[in-house]
Amino acid sequence: MANQTTSNPIRMEAAGTVWSKTPKGVVLIQWVDDNGDLVHDSTLVLTLNGVALTFKIQPVNDQLGFGAVAWQAGPFPQPVVISDFVVTTMATGHLHIWLA
């Protein structure tokens, strides 16, 4: 599969621009271990409205595996407006982005 930027949730399988110069309300972001291959210290870098944010997972014991959520932001009671959303670095896993 490839990045699916027109669905809800948006599904990113590789680094790339999700959207640019278009304000969208985000209610939930999840980094999912799609193949059971995320490991301790895996890195995700998101650039939101020009600000780069780096996330590293630190699972305890066997918390990761096929379909497990490795990292999550939200759900937000009020959507967070993001105008520019880029997945800068994501070596493995999928990013799911739910829009309002």
PDB file of N, CA and C in Angstrom:
ATOM      1  N   MET A   1       0.835  -1.184   0.000  1.00  0.00           N
ATOM      2  CA  MET A   1       0.000   0.000   0.000  1.00  0.00           C
ATOM      3  C   MET A   1       0.876   1.242   0.000  1.00  0.00           C
ATOM      4  N   ALA A   2       0.286   2.336  -0.361  1.00  0.00           N
ATOM      5  CA  ALA A   2       0.996   3.616  -0.388  1.00  0.00           C
ATOM      6  C   ALA A   2       0.326   4.573   0.597  1.00  0.00           C
ATOM      7  N   ASN A   3       0.911   5.750   0.766  1.00  0.00           N
ATOM      8  CA  ASN A   3       0.297   6.768   1.609  1.00  0.00           C
ATOM      9  C   ASN A   3      -1.106   7.063   1.087  1.00  0.00           C
ATOM     10  N   GLN A   4      -2.055   7.182   2.000  1.00  0.00           N
ATOM     11  CA  GLN A   4      -3.443   7.487   1.645  1.00  0.00           C
ATOM     12  C   GLN A   4      -3.812   8.810   2.313  1.00  0.00           C
ATOM     13  N   THR A   5      -3.676   9.910   1.567  1.00  0.00           N
ATOM     14  CA  THR A   5      -3.856  11.238   2.140  1.00  0.00           C
ATOM     15  C   THR A   5      -5.254  11.805   1.930  1.00  0.00           C
ATOM     16  N   THR A   6      -6.153  11.057   1.303  1.00  0.00           N
ATOM     17  CA  THR A   6      -7.510  11.565   1.085  1.00  0.00           C
ATOM     18  C   THR A   6      -8.539  10.837   1.934  1.00  0.00           C
ATOM     19  N   SER A   7      -8.118   9.870   2.733  1.00  0.00           N
ATOM     20  CA  SER A   7      -9.049   9.117   3.578  1.00  0.00           C
ATOM     21  C   SER A   7      -9.132   9.754   4.966  1.00  0.00           C
ATOM     22  N   ASN A   8     -10.036   9.252   5.788  1.00  0.00           N
ATOM     23  CA  ASN A   8     -10.103   9.666   7.189  1.00  0.00           C
ATOM     24  C   ASN A   8     -10.355   8.404   8.013  1.00  0.00           C
ATOM     25  N   PRO A   9      -9.324   7.861   8.670  1.00  0.00           N
ATOM     26  CA  PRO A   9      -8.056   8.539   8.937  1.00  0.00           C
ATOM     27  C   PRO A   9      -7.126   8.524   7.723  1.00  0.00           C
ATOM     28  N   ILE A  10      -6.272   9.529   7.695  1.00  0.00           N
ATOM     29  CA  ILE A  10      -5.178   9.546   6.731  1.00  0.00           C
ATOM     30  C   ILE A  10      -4.192   8.487   7.190  1.00  0.00           C
ATOM     31  N   ARG A  11      -3.627   7.766   6.240  1.00  0.00           N
ATOM     32  CA  ARG A  11      -2.691   6.683   6.578  1.00  0.00           C
ATOM     33  C   ARG A  11      -1.380   6.924   5.844  1.00  0.00           C
ATOM     34  N   MET A  12      -0.326   7.143   6.621  1.00  0.00           N
ATOM     35  CA  MET A  12       1.008   7.364   6.054  1.00  0.00           C
ATOM     36  C   MET A  12       1.862   6.135   6.325  1.00  0.00           C
ATOM     37  N   GLU A  13       2.416   5.582   5.247  1.00  0.00           N
ATOM     38  CA  GLU A  13       3.297   4.414   5.362  1.00  0.00           C
ATOM     39  C   GLU A  13       4.758   4.774   5.180  1.00  0.00           C
ATOM     40  N   ALA A  14       5.006   6.005   4.728  1.00  0.00           N
ATOM     41  CA  ALA A  14       6.372   6.467   4.501  1.00  0.00           C
ATOM     42  C   ALA A  14       6.418   7.970   4.740  1.00  0.00           C
ATOM     43  N   ALA A  15       7.609   8.477   4.933  1.00  0.00           N
ATOM     44  CA  ALA A  15       7.781   9.914   5.127  1.00  0.00           C
ATOM     45  C   ALA A  15       7.254  10.668   3.912  1.00  0.00           C
ATOM     46  N   GLY A  16       6.729  11.864   4.150  1.00  0.00           N
ATOM     47  CA  GLY A  16       6.226  12.690   3.064  1.00  0.00           C
ATOM     48  C   GLY A  16       5.303  13.771   3.589  1.00  0.00           C
ATOM     49  N   THR A  17       4.917  14.675   2.709  1.00  0.00           N
ATOM     50  CA  THR A  17       3.995  15.745   3.074  1.00  0.00           C
ATOM     51  C   THR A  17       2.586  15.178   3.134  1.00  0.00           C
ATOM     52  N   VAL A  18       1.918  15.411   4.253  1.00  0.00           N
ATOM     53  CA  VAL A  18       0.541  14.956   4.418  1.00  0.00           C
ATOM     54  C   VAL A  18      -0.386  16.009   3.826  1.00  0.00           C
ATOM     55  N   TRP A  19      -0.180  17.274   4.210  1.00  0.00           N
ATOM     56  CA  TRP A  19      -0.853  18.411   3.580  1.00  0.00           C
ATOM     57  C   TRP A  19      -0.033  19.660   3.829  1.00  0.00           C
ATOM     58  N   SER A  20      -0.284  20.687   3.006  1.00  0.00           N
ATOM     59  CA  SER A  20       0.488  21.913   3.095  1.00  0.00           C
ATOM     60  C   SER A  20      -0.423  23.113   2.843  1.00  0.00           C
ATOM     61  N   LYS A  21      -0.272  24.136   3.689  1.00  0.00           N
ATOM     62  CA  LYS A  21      -0.997  25.404   3.551  1.00  0.00           C
ATOM     63  C   LYS A  21      -2.518  25.230   3.500  1.00  0.00           C
ATOM     64  N   THR A  22      -2.996  24.233   4.261  1.00  0.00           N
ATOM     65  CA  THR A  22      -4.430  23.961   4.328  1.00  0.00           C
ATOM     66  C   THR A  22      -4.783  23.635   5.773  1.00  0.00           C
ATOM     67  N   PRO A  23      -5.351  24.576   6.534  1.00  0.00           N
ATOM     68  CA  PRO A  23      -5.695  24.288   7.927  1.00  0.00           C
ATOM     69  C   PRO A  23      -6.705  23.139   8.032  1.00  0.00           C
ATOM     70  N   LYS A  24      -6.350  22.146   8.849  1.00  0.00           N
ATOM     71  CA  LYS A  24      -7.238  21.005   9.095  1.00  0.00           C
ATOM     72  C   LYS A  24      -7.273  20.731  10.585  1.00  0.00           C
ATOM     73  N   GLY A  25      -8.432  20.325  11.086  1.00  0.00           N
ATOM     74  CA  GLY A  25      -8.582  19.988  12.492  1.00  0.00           C
ATOM     75  C   GLY A  25      -8.241  18.531  12.731  1.00  0.00           C
ATOM     76  N   VAL A  26      -7.256  18.284  13.592  1.00  0.00           N
ATOM     77  CA  VAL A  26      -6.806  16.930  13.914  1.00  0.00           C
ATOM     78  C   VAL A  26      -7.341  16.547  15.285  1.00  0.00           C
ATOM     79  N   VAL A  27      -7.947  15.369  15.383  1.00  0.00           N
ATOM     80  CA  VAL A  27      -8.469  14.924  16.673  1.00  0.00           C
ATOM     81  C   VAL A  27      -7.654  13.782  17.293  1.00  0.00           C
ATOM     82  N   LEU A  28      -6.876  13.057  16.466  1.00  0.00           N
ATOM     83  CA  LEU A  28      -6.092  11.941  17.001  1.00  0.00           C
ATOM     84  C   LEU A  28      -4.991  11.589  16.014  1.00  0.00           C
ATOM     85  N   ILE A  29      -3.786  11.301  16.539  1.00  0.00           N
ATOM     86  CA  ILE A  29      -2.658  10.815  15.735  1.00  0.00           C
ATOM     87  C   ILE A  29      -2.132   9.561  16.427  1.00  0.00           C
ATOM     88  N   GLN A  30      -1.941   8.488  15.657  1.00  0.00           N
ATOM     89  CA  GLN A  30      -1.396   7.253  16.224  1.00  0.00           C
ATOM     90  C   GLN A  30      -0.299   6.706  15.314  1.00  0.00           C
ATOM     91  N   TRP A  31       0.788   6.281  15.935  1.00  0.00           N
ATOM     92  CA  TRP A  31       1.863   5.565  15.233  1.00  0.00           C
ATOM     93  C   TRP A  31       1.650   4.105  15.552  1.00  0.00           C
ATOM     94  N   VAL A  32       1.345   3.313  14.527  1.00  0.00           N
ATOM     95  CA  VAL A  32       0.945   1.918  14.703  1.00  0.00           C
ATOM     96  C   VAL A  32       2.052   0.989  14.217  1.00  0.00           C
ATOM     97  N   ASP A  33       2.315  -0.040  15.001  1.00  0.00           N
ATOM     98  CA  ASP A  33       3.293  -1.070  14.649  1.00  0.00           C
ATOM     99  C   ASP A  33       2.617  -2.043  13.686  1.00  0.00           C
ATOM    100  N   ASP A  34       2.716  -1.764  12.396  1.00  0.00           N
ATOM    101  CA  ASP A  34       1.960  -2.508  11.388  1.00  0.00           C
ATOM    102  C   ASP A  34       2.475  -3.921  11.137  1.00  0.00           C
ATOM    103  N   ASN A  35       3.761  -4.161  11.315  1.00  0.00           N
ATOM    104  CA  ASN A  35       4.324  -5.480  11.022  1.00  0.00           C
ATOM    105  C   ASN A  35       5.026  -6.114  12.216  1.00  0.00           C
ATOM    106  N   GLY A  36       4.834  -5.556  13.397  1.00  0.00           N
ATOM    107  CA  GLY A  36       5.518  -6.094  14.571  1.00  0.00           C
ATOM    108  C   GLY A  36       7.021  -5.860  14.514  1.00  0.00           C
ATOM    109  N   ASP A  37       7.443  -4.779  13.828  1.00  0.00           N
ATOM    110  CA  ASP A  37       8.870  -4.548  13.665  1.00  0.00           C
ATOM    111  C   ASP A  37       9.378  -3.272  14.329  1.00  0.00           C
ATOM    112  N   LEU A  38       8.515  -2.546  15.041  1.00  0.00           N
ATOM    113  CA  LEU A  38       9.004  -1.394  15.805  1.00  0.00           C
ATOM    114  C   LEU A  38       9.723  -1.908  17.044  1.00  0.00           C
ATOM    115  N   VAL A  39      10.819  -1.273  17.370  1.00  0.00           N
ATOM    116  CA  VAL A  39      11.618  -1.697  18.510  1.00  0.00           C
ATOM    117  C   VAL A  39      11.947  -0.495  19.385  1.00  0.00           C
ATOM    118  N   HIS A  40      12.488  -0.765  20.559  1.00  0.00           N
ATOM    119  CA  HIS A  40      12.938   0.278  21.472  1.00  0.00           C
ATOM    120  C   HIS A  40      13.808   1.279  20.707  1.00  0.00           C
ATOM    121  N   ASP A  41      13.537   2.545  20.894  1.00  0.00           N
ATOM    122  CA  ASP A  41      14.296   3.654  20.317  1.00  0.00           C
ATOM    123  C   ASP A  41      13.963   3.929  18.841  1.00  0.00           C
ATOM    124  N   SER A  42      12.906   3.303  18.288  1.00  0.00           N
ATOM    125  CA  SER A  42      12.463   3.679  16.938  1.00  0.00           C
ATOM    126  C   SER A  42      12.071   5.150  16.969  1.00  0.00           C
ATOM    127  N   THR A  43      12.303   5.857  15.874  1.00  0.00           N
ATOM    128  CA  THR A  43      12.124   7.305  15.837  1.00  0.00           C
ATOM    129  C   THR A  43      11.080   7.730  14.819  1.00  0.00           C
ATOM    130  N   LEU A  44      10.249   8.675  15.230  1.00  0.00           N
ATOM    131  CA  LEU A  44       9.272   9.323  14.373  1.00  0.00           C
ATOM    132  C   LEU A  44       9.519  10.824  14.490  1.00  0.00           C
ATOM    133  N   VAL A  45       9.665  11.515  13.348  1.00  0.00           N
ATOM    134  CA  VAL A  45       9.821  12.964  13.356  1.00  0.00           C
ATOM    135  C   VAL A  45       8.683  13.557  12.536  1.00  0.00           C
ATOM    136  N   LEU A  46       7.889  14.407  13.190  1.00  0.00           N
ATOM    137  CA  LEU A  46       6.808  15.127  12.523  1.00  0.00           C
ATOM    138  C   LEU A  46       7.162  16.599  12.492  1.00  0.00           C
ATOM    139  N   THR A  47       6.884  17.261  11.369  1.00  0.00           N
ATOM    140  CA  THR A  47       7.051  18.704  11.285  1.00  0.00           C
ATOM    141  C   THR A  47       5.658  19.297  11.128  1.00  0.00           C
ATOM    142  N   LEU A  48       5.204  19.964  12.184  1.00  0.00           N
ATOM    143  CA  LEU A  48       3.864  20.535  12.240  1.00  0.00           C
ATOM    144  C   LEU A  48       3.977  22.049  12.261  1.00  0.00           C
ATOM    145  N   ASN A  49       3.392  22.703  11.273  1.00  0.00           N
ATOM    146  CA  ASN A  49       3.451  24.171  11.165  1.00  0.00           C
ATOM    147  C   ASN A  49       4.876  24.688  11.289  1.00  0.00           C
ATOM    148  N   GLY A  50       5.825  23.966  10.684  1.00  0.00           N
ATOM    149  CA  GLY A  50       7.221  24.400  10.658  1.00  0.00           C
ATOM    150  C   GLY A  50       8.051  24.015  11.861  1.00  0.00           C
ATOM    151  N   VAL A  51       7.464  23.322  12.836  1.00  0.00           N
ATOM    152  CA  VAL A  51       8.188  22.926  14.038  1.00  0.00           C
ATOM    153  C   VAL A  51       8.412  21.410  14.000  1.00  0.00           C
ATOM    154  N   ALA A  52       9.682  20.993  14.058  1.00  0.00           N
ATOM    155  CA  ALA A  52      10.015  19.572  14.042  1.00  0.00           C
ATOM    156  C   ALA A  52       9.910  18.995  15.454  1.00  0.00           C
ATOM    157  N   LEU A  53       9.176  17.894  15.574  1.00  0.00           N
ATOM    158  CA  LEU A  53       9.004  17.199  16.851  1.00  0.00           C
ATOM    159  C   LEU A  53       9.514  15.773  16.682  1.00  0.00           C
ATOM    160  N   THR A  54      10.404  15.341  17.575  1.00  0.00           N
ATOM    161  CA  THR A  54      10.982  14.001  17.501  1.00  0.00           C
ATOM    162  C   THR A  54      10.416  13.139  18.624  1.00  0.00           C
ATOM    163  N   PHE A  55       9.939  11.946  18.242  1.00  0.00           N
ATOM    164  CA  PHE A  55       9.384  10.998  19.201  1.00  0.00           C
ATOM    165  C   PHE A  55      10.167   9.700  19.103  1.00  0.00           C
ATOM    166  N   LYS A  56      10.534   9.140  20.260  1.00  0.00           N
ATOM    167  CA  LYS A  56      11.203   7.843  20.318  1.00  0.00           C
ATOM    168  C   LYS A  56      10.383   6.963  21.251  1.00  0.00           C
ATOM    169  N   ILE A  57      10.126   5.757  20.799  1.00  0.00           N
ATOM    170  CA  ILE A  57       9.330   4.865  21.646  1.00  0.00           C
ATOM    171  C   ILE A  57      10.242   4.102  22.590  1.00  0.00           C
ATOM    172  N   GLN A  58       9.706   3.830  23.780  1.00  0.00           N
ATOM    173  CA  GLN A  58      10.422   3.081  24.789  1.00  0.00           C
ATOM    174  C   GLN A  58       9.456   2.075  25.404  1.00  0.00           C
ATOM    175  N   PRO A  59       9.138   1.017  24.664  1.00  0.00           N
ATOM    176  CA  PRO A  59       8.164   0.048  25.169  1.00  0.00           C
ATOM    177  C   PRO A  59       8.692  -0.719  26.370  1.00  0.00           C
ATOM    178  N   VAL A  60       7.769  -1.109  27.233  1.00  0.00           N
ATOM    179  CA  VAL A  60       8.094  -1.932  28.389  1.00  0.00           C
ATOM    180  C   VAL A  60       7.713  -3.359  28.048  1.00  0.00           C
ATOM    181  N   ASN A  61       8.643  -4.279  28.193  1.00  0.00           N
ATOM    182  CA  ASN A  61       8.424  -5.702  27.930  1.00  0.00           C
ATOM    183  C   ASN A  61       7.896  -5.930  26.514  1.00  0.00           C
ATOM    184  N   ASP A  62       6.745  -6.584  26.379  1.00  0.00           N
ATOM    185  CA  ASP A  62       6.207  -6.947  25.067  1.00  0.00           C
ATOM    186  C   ASP A  62       5.033  -6.074  24.672  1.00  0.00           C
ATOM    187  N   GLN A  63       5.141  -4.762  24.839  1.00  0.00           N
ATOM    188  CA  GLN A  63       4.025  -3.875  24.525  1.00  0.00           C
ATOM    189  C   GLN A  63       3.818  -3.700  23.033  1.00  0.00           C
ATOM    190  N   LEU A  64       4.839  -3.947  22.228  1.00  0.00           N
ATOM    191  CA  LEU A  64       4.694  -3.759  20.792  1.00  0.00           C
ATOM    192  C   LEU A  64       4.458  -5.091  20.105  1.00  0.00           C
ATOM    193  N   GLY A  65       3.936  -5.029  18.923  1.00  0.00           N
ATOM    194  CA  GLY A  65       3.640  -6.197  18.115  1.00  0.00           C
ATOM    195  C   GLY A  65       2.645  -5.792  17.056  1.00  0.00           C
ATOM    196  N   PHE A  66       2.270  -6.719  16.220  1.00  0.00           N
ATOM    197  CA  PHE A  66       1.382  -6.427  15.094  1.00  0.00           C
ATOM    198  C   PHE A  66       0.126  -5.676  15.553  1.00  0.00           C
ATOM    199  N   GLY A  67      -0.079  -4.485  15.005  1.00  0.00           N
ATOM    200  CA  GLY A  67      -1.276  -3.695  15.284  1.00  0.00           C
ATOM    201  C   GLY A  67      -1.233  -2.857  16.545  1.00  0.00           C
ATOM    202  N   ALA A  68      -0.155  -2.947  17.333  1.00  0.00           N
ATOM    203  CA  ALA A  68      -0.072  -2.177  18.580  1.00  0.00           C
ATOM    204  C   ALA A  68       0.183  -0.699  18.291  1.00  0.00           C
ATOM    205  N   VAL A  69      -0.393   0.164  19.125  1.00  0.00           N
ATOM    206  CA  VAL A  69      -0.138   1.597  19.028  1.00  0.00           C
ATOM    207  C   VAL A  69       1.146   1.890  19.799  1.00  0.00           C
ATOM    208  N   ALA A  70       2.162   2.394  19.093  1.00  0.00           N
ATOM    209  CA  ALA A  70       3.456   2.681  19.702  1.00  0.00           C
ATOM    210  C   ALA A  70       3.495   4.059  20.336  1.00  0.00           C
ATOM    211  N   TRP A  71       2.739   5.000  19.754  1.00  0.00           N
ATOM    212  CA  TRP A  71       2.703   6.387  20.248  1.00  0.00           C
ATOM    213  C   TRP A  71       1.381   6.994  19.815  1.00  0.00           C
ATOM    214  N   GLN A  72       0.845   7.863  20.672  1.00  0.00           N
ATOM    215  CA  GLN A  72      -0.448   8.480  20.368  1.00  0.00           C
ATOM    216  C   GLN A  72      -0.493   9.902  20.897  1.00  0.00           C
ATOM    217  N   ALA A  73      -1.111  10.795  20.117  1.00  0.00           N
ATOM    218  CA  ALA A  73      -1.406  12.163  20.548  1.00  0.00           C
ATOM    219  C   ALA A  73      -2.909  12.340  20.408  1.00  0.00           C
ATOM    220  N   GLY A  74      -3.580  12.635  21.514  1.00  0.00           N
ATOM    221  CA  GLY A  74      -5.033  12.765  21.511  1.00  0.00           C
ATOM    222  C   GLY A  74      -5.653  11.538  22.145  1.00  0.00           C
ATOM    223  N   PRO A  75      -6.950  11.420  22.055  1.00  0.00           N
ATOM    224  CA  PRO A  75      -7.876  12.268  21.306  1.00  0.00           C
ATOM    225  C   PRO A  75      -8.042  13.635  21.981  1.00  0.00           C
ATOM    226  N   PHE A  76      -8.126  14.652  21.138  1.00  0.00           N
ATOM    227  CA  PHE A  76      -8.260  16.018  21.602  1.00  0.00           C
ATOM    228  C   PHE A  76      -9.743  16.375  21.673  1.00  0.00           C
ATOM    229  N   PRO A  77     -10.209  16.962  22.788  1.00  0.00           N
ATOM    230  CA  PRO A  77     -11.623  17.331  22.898  1.00  0.00           C
ATOM    231  C   PRO A  77     -12.017  18.395  21.883  1.00  0.00           C
ATOM    232  N   GLN A  78     -11.099  19.269  21.564  1.00  0.00           N
ATOM    233  CA  GLN A  78     -11.279  20.255  20.495  1.00  0.00           C
ATOM    234  C   GLN A  78     -10.195  19.970  19.458  1.00  0.00           C
ATOM    235  N   PRO A  79     -10.541  19.900  18.177  1.00  0.00           N
ATOM    236  CA  PRO A  79      -9.524  19.606  17.165  1.00  0.00           C
ATOM    237  C   PRO A  79      -8.357  20.600  17.210  1.00  0.00           C
ATOM    238  N   VAL A  80      -7.162  20.088  17.011  1.00  0.00           N
ATOM    239  CA  VAL A  80      -5.955  20.910  16.922  1.00  0.00           C
ATOM    240  C   VAL A  80      -5.786  21.286  15.456  1.00  0.00           C
ATOM    241  N   VAL A  81      -5.716  22.579  15.163  1.00  0.00           N
ATOM    242  CA  VAL A  81      -5.608  23.041  13.778  1.00  0.00           C
ATOM    243  C   VAL A  81      -4.141  23.017  13.357  1.00  0.00           C
ATOM    244  N   ILE A  82      -3.874  22.271  12.291  1.00  0.00           N
ATOM    245  CA  ILE A  82      -2.528  22.164  11.730  1.00  0.00           C
ATOM    246  C   ILE A  82      -2.616  22.550  10.262  1.00  0.00           C
ATOM    247  N   SER A  83      -1.819  23.536   9.846  1.00  0.00           N
ATOM    248  CA  SER A  83      -1.833  24.015   8.456  1.00  0.00           C
ATOM    249  C   SER A  83      -0.835  23.287   7.568  1.00  0.00           C
ATOM    250  N   ASP A  84       0.289  22.893   8.147  1.00  0.00           N
ATOM    251  CA  ASP A  84       1.331  22.178   7.409  1.00  0.00           C
ATOM    252  C   ASP A  84       1.729  20.951   8.215  1.00  0.00           C
ATOM    253  N   PHE A  85       1.558  19.764   7.625  1.00  0.00           N
ATOM    254  CA  PHE A  85       1.821  18.508   8.330  1.00  0.00           C
ATOM    255  C   PHE A  85       2.726  17.660   7.452  1.00  0.00           C
ATOM    256  N   VAL A  86       3.935  17.375   7.957  1.00  0.00           N
ATOM    257  CA  VAL A  86       4.905  16.569   7.216  1.00  0.00           C
ATOM    258  C   VAL A  86       5.404  15.449   8.119  1.00  0.00           C
ATOM    259  N   VAL A  87       5.408  14.230   7.606  1.00  0.00           N
ATOM    260  CA  VAL A  87       6.076  13.118   8.278  1.00  0.00           C
ATOM    261  C   VAL A  87       7.507  13.165   7.760  1.00  0.00           C
ATOM    262  N   THR A  88       8.411  13.676   8.597  1.00  0.00           N
ATOM    263  CA  THR A  88       9.791  13.901   8.188  1.00  0.00           C
ATOM    264  C   THR A  88      10.597  12.611   8.214  1.00  0.00           C
ATOM    265  N   THR A  89      10.441  11.828   9.279  1.00  0.00           N
ATOM    266  CA  THR A  89      11.168  10.562   9.433  1.00  0.00           C
ATOM    267  C   THR A  89      10.236   9.522  10.021  1.00  0.00           C
ATOM    268  N   MET A  90      10.132   8.380   9.352  1.00  0.00           N
ATOM    269  CA  MET A  90       9.385   7.235   9.878  1.00  0.00           C
ATOM    270  C   MET A  90       9.908   6.013   9.128  1.00  0.00           C
ATOM    271  N   ALA A  91      10.808   5.280   9.763  1.00  0.00           N
ATOM    272  CA  ALA A  91      11.447   4.151   9.096  1.00  0.00           C
ATOM    273  C   ALA A  91      10.503   2.959   8.960  1.00  0.00           C
ATOM    274  N   THR A  92       9.603   2.803   9.912  1.00  0.00           N
ATOM    275  CA  THR A  92       8.703   1.659   9.893  1.00  0.00           C
ATOM    276  C   THR A  92       7.414   2.021  10.621  1.00  0.00           C
ATOM    277  N   GLY A  93       6.404   1.224  10.450  1.00  0.00           N
ATOM    278  CA  GLY A  93       5.107   1.500  11.058  1.00  0.00           C
ATOM    279  C   GLY A  93       4.243   2.341  10.137  1.00  0.00           C
ATOM    280  N   HIS A  94       3.054   2.656  10.605  1.00  0.00           N
ATOM    281  CA  HIS A  94       2.108   3.513   9.887  1.00  0.00           C
ATOM    282  C   HIS A  94       1.680   4.632  10.812  1.00  0.00           C
ATOM    283  N   LEU A  95       1.415   5.806  10.256  1.00  0.00           N
ATOM    284  CA  LEU A  95       0.873   6.900  11.023  1.00  0.00           C
ATOM    285  C   LEU A  95      -0.574   7.090  10.599  1.00  0.00           C
ATOM    286  N   HIS A  96      -1.478   7.086  11.558  1.00  0.00           N
ATOM    287  CA  HIS A  96      -2.902   7.305  11.298  1.00  0.00           C
ATOM    288  C   HIS A  96      -3.279   8.672  11.861  1.00  0.00           C
ATOM    289  N   ILE A  97      -3.926   9.500  11.045  1.00  0.00           N
ATOM    290  CA  ILE A  97      -4.279  10.855  11.447  1.00  0.00           C
ATOM    291  C   ILE A  97      -5.783  11.018  11.237  1.00  0.00           C
ATOM    292  N   TRP A  98      -6.539  11.181  12.337  1.00  0.00           N
ATOM    293  CA  TRP A  98      -7.986  11.359  12.270  1.00  0.00           C
ATOM    294  C   TRP A  98      -8.305  12.845  12.220  1.00  0.00           C
ATOM    295  N   LEU A  99      -9.133  13.222  11.268  1.00  0.00           N
ATOM    296  CA  LEU A  99      -9.541  14.615  11.103  1.00  0.00           C
ATOM    297  C   LEU A  99     -10.947  14.829  11.659  1.00  0.00           C
ATOM    298  N   ALA A 100     -11.235  16.076  12.054  1.00  0.00           N
ATOM    299  CA  ALA A 100     -12.568  16.428  12.575  1.00  0.00           C
ATOM    300  C   ALA A 100     -13.574  16.401  11.453  1.00  0.00           C
TER     301      ALA A 100
END
